[in-house]
Amino acid sequence: MPKEDKRKPKRVNIKKERQRLLKEKRKSHPEQEIIIDKKSTKKIDIRLEKETKLYWIRAITAVLSGLLGRLLFGIFGFWLLIWMLCFWFLTPFFVSFIILKYQYDKEEWNWKNIIKPGIGIYFLLFMIITVVTHTFLAFI
């Protein structure tokens, strides 16, 4: 059996984990009334809402940048890779601070939370759109 890398953090669904912990606490102490801290759950919900908005904005950005790069500007090859990377890393900061006007907080809303949501969907949609567009342009 291969060894598991202990340095790699385990992915945790925050909402499900919180619900599981509340159930365990209710089972262990049924006589006590559990007080849920509304303020902390609200912070989690706000952060998840921010990440969801960035995720879908990334998906839209991938489609638009793929179409614009290949159709309008005629970029292909290495320059298309640079085009993709520019939109991949610069657009989330632009959207986060200028359009959505999120405040930068080192503890709750830092650069990792800005870069992380939507990386996979961005790459997948960008590649699908550019490959299909390039294929159609090659046939024309």
N, C-alpha and C. Protein backbone atom coordinates (compact mmCIF):
# COMPACT_ATOMS: atom_id res chain seq x y z
N MET A 1 0.83 -1.18 0.00
CA MET A 1 0.00 0.00 0.00
C MET A 1 0.87 1.24 0.00
N PRO A 2 0.61 2.20 -0.86
CA PRO A 2 1.44 3.40 -0.90
C PRO A 2 1.20 4.27 0.33
N LYS A 3 2.25 4.96 0.72
CA LYS A 3 2.13 5.87 1.86
C LYS A 3 1.38 7.12 1.43
N GLU A 4 0.54 7.61 2.36
CA GLU A 4 -0.17 8.85 2.08
C GLU A 4 0.70 10.03 2.44
N ASP A 5 0.63 11.05 1.64
CA ASP A 5 1.42 12.25 1.90
C ASP A 5 0.75 13.03 3.03
N LYS A 6 1.41 13.13 4.16
CA LYS A 6 0.82 13.79 5.32
C LYS A 6 0.88 15.30 5.21
N ARG A 7 1.70 15.81 4.31
CA ARG A 7 1.81 17.25 4.12
C ARG A 7 0.62 17.82 3.36
N LYS A 8 -0.01 17.00 2.55
CA LYS A 8 -1.13 17.47 1.74
C LYS A 8 -2.37 17.60 2.63
N PRO A 9 -2.98 18.79 2.68
CA PRO A 9 -4.14 18.98 3.54
C PRO A 9 -5.36 18.24 2.99
N LYS A 10 -6.17 17.75 3.90
CA LYS A 10 -7.38 17.03 3.53
C LYS A 10 -8.48 18.03 3.20
N ARG A 11 -9.21 17.82 2.13
CA ARG A 11 -10.30 18.72 1.76
C ARG A 11 -11.47 18.50 2.70
N VAL A 12 -12.04 19.59 3.17
CA VAL A 12 -13.14 19.51 4.13
C VAL A 12 -14.26 20.41 3.65
N ASN A 13 -15.47 19.87 3.63
CA ASN A 13 -16.65 20.67 3.35
C ASN A 13 -17.07 21.29 4.67
N ILE A 14 -16.98 22.60 4.77
CA ILE A 14 -17.16 23.30 6.03
C ILE A 14 -18.56 23.11 6.58
N LYS A 15 -19.56 23.24 5.72
CA LYS A 15 -20.94 23.13 6.19
C LYS A 15 -21.25 21.72 6.69
N LYS A 16 -20.84 20.70 5.94
CA LYS A 16 -21.09 19.33 6.36
C LYS A 16 -20.34 18.98 7.63
N GLU A 17 -19.12 19.45 7.74
CA GLU A 17 -18.32 19.18 8.93
C GLU A 17 -18.96 19.82 10.16
N ARG A 18 -19.46 21.03 10.02
CA ARG A 18 -20.12 21.71 11.14
C ARG A 18 -21.38 20.96 11.55
N GLN A 19 -22.17 20.52 10.58
CA GLN A 19 -23.38 19.76 10.90
C GLN A 19 -23.04 18.45 11.60
N ARG A 20 -21.98 17.78 11.16
CA ARG A 20 -21.57 16.52 11.80
C ARG A 20 -21.15 16.76 13.25
N LEU A 21 -20.40 17.82 13.47
CA LEU A 21 -19.96 18.14 14.83
C LEU A 21 -21.14 18.49 15.74
N LEU A 22 -22.12 19.19 15.19
CA LEU A 22 -23.31 19.50 15.97
C LEU A 22 -24.09 18.24 16.34
N LYS A 23 -24.22 17.29 15.41
CA LYS A 23 -24.90 16.02 15.69
C LYS A 23 -24.18 15.24 16.78
N GLU A 24 -22.85 15.19 16.69
CA GLU A 24 -22.08 14.48 17.71
C GLU A 24 -22.25 15.12 19.08
N LYS A 25 -22.28 16.44 19.11
CA LYS A 25 -22.44 17.14 20.37
C LYS A 25 -23.83 16.90 20.95
N ARG A 26 -24.84 16.85 20.11
CA ARG A 26 -26.21 16.56 20.58
C ARG A 26 -26.31 15.15 21.13
N LYS A 27 -25.63 14.19 20.50
CA LYS A 27 -25.66 12.81 20.98
C LYS A 27 -24.95 12.67 22.33
N SER A 28 -23.83 13.35 22.46
CA SER A 28 -23.05 13.21 23.70
C SER A 28 -23.68 13.98 24.87
N HIS A 29 -24.35 15.08 24.60
CA HIS A 29 -24.97 15.90 25.65
C HIS A 29 -26.41 16.23 25.27
N PRO A 30 -27.32 15.24 25.35
CA PRO A 30 -28.70 15.52 24.92
C PRO A 30 -29.44 16.48 25.86
N GLU A 31 -29.03 16.55 27.11
CA GLU A 31 -29.72 17.41 28.06
C GLU A 31 -29.39 18.89 27.87
N GLN A 32 -28.26 19.17 27.26
CA GLN A 32 -27.88 20.56 27.04
C GLN A 32 -28.46 21.08 25.73
N GLU A 33 -28.82 22.32 25.76
CA GLU A 33 -29.26 22.96 24.53
C GLU A 33 -28.04 23.54 23.84
N ILE A 34 -27.88 23.21 22.59
CA ILE A 34 -26.70 23.66 21.86
C ILE A 34 -26.98 25.04 21.27
N ILE A 35 -26.10 25.96 21.60
CA ILE A 35 -26.24 27.31 21.08
C ILE A 35 -25.33 27.43 19.87
N ILE A 36 -25.94 27.75 18.74
CA ILE A 36 -25.17 27.90 17.51
C ILE A 36 -24.79 29.37 17.37
N ASP A 37 -23.54 29.59 17.15
CA ASP A 37 -23.05 30.95 16.99
C ASP A 37 -23.41 31.43 15.59
N LYS A 38 -24.41 32.29 15.51
CA LYS A 38 -24.90 32.78 14.22
C LYS A 38 -23.85 33.62 13.51
N LYS A 39 -23.03 34.31 14.27
CA LYS A 39 -22.03 35.17 13.66
C LYS A 39 -20.99 34.36 12.88
N SER A 40 -20.53 33.23 13.45
CA SER A 40 -19.52 32.43 12.77
C SER A 40 -20.10 31.71 11.55
N THR A 41 -21.36 31.24 11.66
CA THR A 41 -21.96 30.60 10.49
C THR A 41 -22.19 31.61 9.38
N LYS A 42 -22.50 32.83 9.76
CA LYS A 42 -22.70 33.86 8.76
C LYS A 42 -21.39 34.16 8.02
N LYS A 43 -20.25 34.17 8.73
CA LYS A 43 -18.96 34.39 8.08
C LYS A 43 -18.66 33.30 7.07
N ILE A 44 -18.95 32.06 7.45
CA ILE A 44 -18.71 30.93 6.54
C ILE A 44 -19.60 31.07 5.30
N ASP A 45 -20.87 31.39 5.52
CA ASP A 45 -21.79 31.54 4.40
C ASP A 45 -21.37 32.68 3.47
N ILE A 46 -20.91 33.78 4.05
CA ILE A 46 -20.46 34.91 3.24
C ILE A 46 -19.26 34.52 2.40
N ARG A 47 -18.29 33.81 3.01
CA ARG A 47 -17.11 33.39 2.26
C ARG A 47 -17.47 32.41 1.15
N LEU A 48 -18.36 31.47 1.43
CA LEU A 48 -18.79 30.52 0.41
C LEU A 48 -19.54 31.23 -0.73
N GLU A 49 -20.31 32.25 -0.38
CA GLU A 49 -21.01 33.01 -1.41
C GLU A 49 -20.02 33.77 -2.29
N LYS A 50 -19.00 34.34 -1.68
CA LYS A 50 -17.98 35.04 -2.45
C LYS A 50 -17.26 34.09 -3.40
N GLU A 51 -16.89 32.91 -2.88
CA GLU A 51 -16.19 31.93 -3.70
C GLU A 51 -17.07 31.44 -4.84
N THR A 52 -18.37 31.28 -4.59
CA THR A 52 -19.28 30.83 -5.64
C THR A 52 -19.39 31.87 -6.75
N LYS A 53 -19.48 33.14 -6.37
CA LYS A 53 -19.53 34.20 -7.39
C LYS A 53 -18.25 34.21 -8.22
N LEU A 54 -17.10 34.08 -7.55
CA LEU A 54 -15.84 34.06 -8.30
C LEU A 54 -15.75 32.85 -9.21
N TYR A 55 -16.28 31.71 -8.78
CA TYR A 55 -16.27 30.49 -9.58
C TYR A 55 -17.01 30.72 -10.90
N TRP A 56 -18.21 31.27 -10.82
CA TRP A 56 -19.00 31.46 -12.03
C TRP A 56 -18.45 32.58 -12.89
N ILE A 57 -17.87 33.59 -12.27
CA ILE A 57 -17.23 34.64 -13.06
C ILE A 57 -16.03 34.06 -13.80
N ARG A 58 -15.31 33.15 -13.15
CA ARG A 58 -14.19 32.48 -13.82
C ARG A 58 -14.66 31.67 -15.01
N ALA A 59 -15.79 30.99 -14.85
CA ALA A 59 -16.31 30.18 -15.97
C ALA A 59 -16.67 31.07 -17.15
N ILE A 60 -17.33 32.18 -16.89
CA ILE A 60 -17.69 33.11 -17.96
C ILE A 60 -16.44 33.72 -18.60
N THR A 61 -15.46 34.07 -17.76
CA THR A 61 -14.21 34.65 -18.25
C THR A 61 -13.47 33.66 -19.15
N ALA A 62 -13.51 32.39 -18.81
CA ALA A 62 -12.83 31.38 -19.63
C ALA A 62 -13.43 31.32 -21.03
N VAL A 63 -14.73 31.31 -21.09
CA VAL A 63 -15.39 31.23 -22.40
C VAL A 63 -15.10 32.49 -23.21
N LEU A 64 -15.24 33.65 -22.58
CA LEU A 64 -15.03 34.90 -23.31
C LEU A 64 -13.57 35.08 -23.74
N SER A 65 -12.64 34.79 -22.85
CA SER A 65 -11.23 34.97 -23.22
C SER A 65 -10.81 33.96 -24.29
N GLY A 66 -11.35 32.76 -24.25
CA GLY A 66 -11.05 31.78 -25.29
C GLY A 66 -11.57 32.20 -26.65
N LEU A 67 -12.81 32.68 -26.65
CA LEU A 67 -13.39 33.13 -27.92
C LEU A 67 -12.70 34.38 -28.44
N LEU A 68 -12.47 35.35 -27.58
CA LEU A 68 -11.83 36.59 -28.02
C LEU A 68 -10.40 36.35 -28.50
N GLY A 69 -9.67 35.52 -27.75
CA GLY A 69 -8.27 35.27 -28.10
C GLY A 69 -8.13 34.57 -29.44
N ARG A 70 -9.00 33.61 -29.69
CA ARG A 70 -8.86 32.84 -30.94
C ARG A 70 -9.59 33.48 -32.11
N LEU A 71 -10.82 33.93 -31.89
CA LEU A 71 -11.60 34.50 -33.00
C LEU A 71 -11.21 35.93 -33.33
N LEU A 72 -11.22 36.79 -32.35
CA LEU A 72 -11.02 38.21 -32.62
C LEU A 72 -9.56 38.56 -32.88
N PHE A 73 -8.67 38.05 -32.03
CA PHE A 73 -7.26 38.40 -32.16
C PHE A 73 -6.45 37.37 -32.95
N GLY A 74 -6.98 36.19 -33.18
CA GLY A 74 -6.27 35.18 -33.98
C GLY A 74 -5.04 34.62 -33.29
N ILE A 75 -5.05 34.57 -31.97
CA ILE A 75 -3.89 34.07 -31.22
C ILE A 75 -3.95 32.54 -31.21
N PHE A 76 -2.79 31.90 -31.36
CA PHE A 76 -2.70 30.45 -31.20
C PHE A 76 -1.29 30.10 -30.74
N GLY A 77 -1.14 28.88 -30.28
CA GLY A 77 0.17 28.40 -29.84
C GLY A 77 0.61 28.97 -28.50
N PHE A 78 1.89 29.34 -28.45
CA PHE A 78 2.49 29.83 -27.20
C PHE A 78 1.84 31.12 -26.72
N TRP A 79 1.45 32.00 -27.66
CA TRP A 79 0.83 33.27 -27.27
C TRP A 79 -0.55 33.05 -26.67
N LEU A 80 -1.25 32.01 -27.11
CA LEU A 80 -2.54 31.68 -26.51
C LEU A 80 -2.36 31.20 -25.07
N LEU A 81 -1.25 30.49 -24.81
CA LEU A 81 -0.95 30.07 -23.44
C LEU A 81 -0.72 31.28 -22.54
N ILE A 82 0.04 32.25 -23.03
CA ILE A 82 0.29 33.47 -22.25
C ILE A 82 -1.02 34.23 -22.04
N TRP A 83 -1.85 34.31 -23.08
CA TRP A 83 -3.16 34.95 -22.98
C TRP A 83 -4.00 34.27 -21.90
N MET A 84 -4.01 32.94 -21.89
CA MET A 84 -4.78 32.20 -20.90
C MET A 84 -4.27 32.46 -19.49
N LEU A 85 -2.96 32.44 -19.30
CA LEU A 85 -2.39 32.65 -17.97
C LEU A 85 -2.65 34.06 -17.45
N CYS A 86 -2.62 35.05 -18.34
CA CYS A 86 -2.93 36.42 -17.91
C CYS A 86 -4.35 36.51 -17.38
N PHE A 87 -5.31 35.96 -18.10
CA PHE A 87 -6.68 35.99 -17.63
C PHE A 87 -6.88 35.08 -16.42
N TRP A 88 -6.13 33.99 -16.36
CA TRP A 88 -6.27 33.03 -15.27
C TRP A 88 -5.88 33.66 -13.94
N PHE A 89 -4.78 34.42 -13.91
CA PHE A 89 -4.27 34.93 -12.65
C PHE A 89 -4.62 36.38 -12.36
N LEU A 90 -4.84 37.20 -13.38
CA LEU A 90 -5.10 38.62 -13.13
C LEU A 90 -6.58 38.96 -12.99
N THR A 91 -7.43 38.29 -13.73
CA THR A 91 -8.85 38.60 -13.70
C THR A 91 -9.49 38.42 -12.33
N PRO A 92 -9.21 37.37 -11.56
CA PRO A 92 -9.86 37.23 -10.26
C PRO A 92 -9.59 38.39 -9.30
N PHE A 93 -8.38 38.95 -9.35
CA PHE A 93 -8.08 40.09 -8.48
C PHE A 93 -8.84 41.32 -8.95
N PHE A 94 -8.88 41.53 -10.25
CA PHE A 94 -9.62 42.66 -10.81
C PHE A 94 -11.10 42.57 -10.44
N VAL A 95 -11.68 41.38 -10.62
CA VAL A 95 -13.09 41.18 -10.33
C VAL A 95 -13.35 41.31 -8.83
N SER A 96 -12.48 40.72 -8.03
CA SER A 96 -12.70 40.70 -6.59
C SER A 96 -12.66 42.08 -5.97
N PHE A 97 -11.71 42.91 -6.37
CA PHE A 97 -11.53 44.20 -5.70
C PHE A 97 -12.20 45.37 -6.41
N ILE A 98 -12.33 45.32 -7.73
CA ILE A 98 -12.89 46.46 -8.45
C ILE A 98 -14.38 46.28 -8.75
N ILE A 99 -14.75 45.12 -9.24
CA ILE A 99 -16.15 44.91 -9.61
C ILE A 99 -17.00 44.52 -8.40
N LEU A 100 -16.59 43.46 -7.68
CA LEU A 100 -17.37 43.01 -6.52
C LEU A 100 -17.06 43.78 -5.24
N LYS A 101 -15.95 44.49 -5.23
CA LYS A 101 -15.53 45.36 -4.12
C LYS A 101 -15.42 44.61 -2.79
N TYR A 102 -14.75 43.45 -2.82
CA TYR A 102 -14.47 42.71 -1.59
C TYR A 102 -13.29 43.35 -0.89
N GLN A 103 -13.31 43.35 0.42
CA GLN A 103 -12.21 43.90 1.20
C GLN A 103 -11.15 42.82 1.40
N TYR A 104 -9.88 43.20 1.27
CA TYR A 104 -8.79 42.26 1.49
C TYR A 104 -8.56 42.11 2.99
N ASP A 105 -8.64 40.88 3.46
CA ASP A 105 -8.40 40.57 4.87
C ASP A 105 -7.46 39.39 4.91
N LYS A 106 -6.32 39.55 5.57
CA LYS A 106 -5.30 38.50 5.57
C LYS A 106 -5.80 37.20 6.18
N GLU A 107 -6.75 37.26 7.09
CA GLU A 107 -7.23 36.07 7.78
C GLU A 107 -8.37 35.38 7.05
N GLU A 108 -9.32 36.17 6.53
CA GLU A 108 -10.52 35.55 5.96
C GLU A 108 -10.59 35.59 4.44
N TRP A 109 -10.14 36.66 3.82
CA TRP A 109 -10.25 36.79 2.36
C TRP A 109 -8.89 37.19 1.80
N ASN A 110 -8.01 36.22 1.68
CA ASN A 110 -6.65 36.50 1.22
C ASN A 110 -6.47 36.06 -0.23
N TRP A 111 -5.25 36.17 -0.74
CA TRP A 111 -5.00 35.89 -2.15
C TRP A 111 -5.28 34.43 -2.51
N LYS A 112 -5.13 33.50 -1.56
CA LYS A 112 -5.40 32.09 -1.86
C LYS A 112 -6.90 31.86 -2.12
N ASN A 113 -7.73 32.54 -1.34
CA ASN A 113 -9.18 32.41 -1.54
C ASN A 113 -9.63 33.07 -2.83
N ILE A 114 -8.85 34.01 -3.33
CA ILE A 114 -9.18 34.67 -4.60
C ILE A 114 -8.76 33.79 -5.78
N ILE A 115 -7.58 33.19 -5.71
CA ILE A 115 -7.06 32.39 -6.82
C ILE A 115 -7.74 31.01 -6.90
N LYS A 116 -8.04 30.42 -5.76
CA LYS A 116 -8.49 29.03 -5.69
C LYS A 116 -9.79 28.70 -6.41
N PRO A 117 -10.90 29.42 -6.20
CA PRO A 117 -12.16 28.95 -6.80
C PRO A 117 -12.17 29.07 -8.32
N GLY A 118 -12.50 27.96 -8.97
CA GLY A 118 -12.70 27.98 -10.40
C GLY A 118 -11.49 27.72 -11.27
N ILE A 119 -10.39 27.27 -10.70
CA ILE A 119 -9.20 27.01 -11.52
C ILE A 119 -9.48 25.91 -12.53
N GLY A 120 -10.09 24.84 -12.08
CA GLY A 120 -10.37 23.70 -12.96
C GLY A 120 -11.36 24.04 -14.05
N ILE A 121 -12.45 24.70 -13.68
CA ILE A 121 -13.46 25.04 -14.68
C ILE A 121 -12.91 26.03 -15.69
N TYR A 122 -12.05 26.93 -15.24
CA TYR A 122 -11.45 27.90 -16.17
C TYR A 122 -10.63 27.17 -17.22
N PHE A 123 -9.74 26.29 -16.78
CA PHE A 123 -8.87 25.57 -17.71
C PHE A 123 -9.68 24.71 -18.65
N LEU A 124 -10.64 23.98 -18.11
CA LEU A 124 -11.46 23.08 -18.92
C LEU A 124 -12.25 23.86 -19.99
N LEU A 125 -12.95 24.89 -19.58
CA LEU A 125 -13.75 25.64 -20.55
C LEU A 125 -12.89 26.38 -21.56
N PHE A 126 -11.78 26.95 -21.10
CA PHE A 126 -10.89 27.65 -22.03
C PHE A 126 -10.37 26.69 -23.10
N MET A 127 -9.93 25.51 -22.68
CA MET A 127 -9.39 24.54 -23.64
C MET A 127 -10.46 24.03 -24.59
N ILE A 128 -11.64 23.73 -24.08
CA ILE A 128 -12.70 23.23 -24.95
C ILE A 128 -13.09 24.30 -25.98
N ILE A 129 -13.30 25.51 -25.52
CA ILE A 129 -13.71 26.59 -26.42
C ILE A 129 -12.64 26.88 -27.48
N THR A 130 -11.38 26.97 -27.06
CA THR A 130 -10.33 27.31 -28.03
C THR A 130 -10.08 26.17 -29.01
N VAL A 131 -10.16 24.94 -28.55
CA VAL A 131 -9.95 23.80 -29.46
C VAL A 131 -11.08 23.72 -30.48
N VAL A 132 -12.31 23.88 -30.02
CA VAL A 132 -13.45 23.83 -30.94
C VAL A 132 -13.39 25.00 -31.92
N THR A 133 -13.08 26.19 -31.42
CA THR A 133 -12.98 27.37 -32.29
C THR A 133 -11.86 27.21 -33.31
N HIS A 134 -10.71 26.73 -32.87
CA HIS A 134 -9.58 26.53 -33.79
C HIS A 134 -9.93 25.48 -34.84
N THR A 135 -10.64 24.44 -34.44
CA THR A 135 -11.02 23.40 -35.38
C THR A 135 -11.96 23.96 -36.44
N PHE A 136 -12.96 24.74 -36.01
CA PHE A 136 -13.86 25.34 -36.99
C PHE A 136 -13.13 26.30 -37.92
N LEU A 137 -12.20 27.08 -37.40
CA LEU A 137 -11.45 28.00 -38.24
C LEU A 137 -10.55 27.24 -39.22
N ALA A 138 -10.05 26.08 -38.82
CA ALA A 138 -9.20 25.30 -39.71
C ALA A 138 -9.99 24.72 -40.88
N PHE A 139 -11.27 24.41 -40.66
CA PHE A 139 -12.11 23.85 -41.71
C PHE A 139 -12.62 24.91 -42.67
N ILE A 140 -12.64 26.15 -42.23
CA ILE A 140 -13.19 27.21 -43.08
C ILE A 140 -12.19 27.65 -44.11
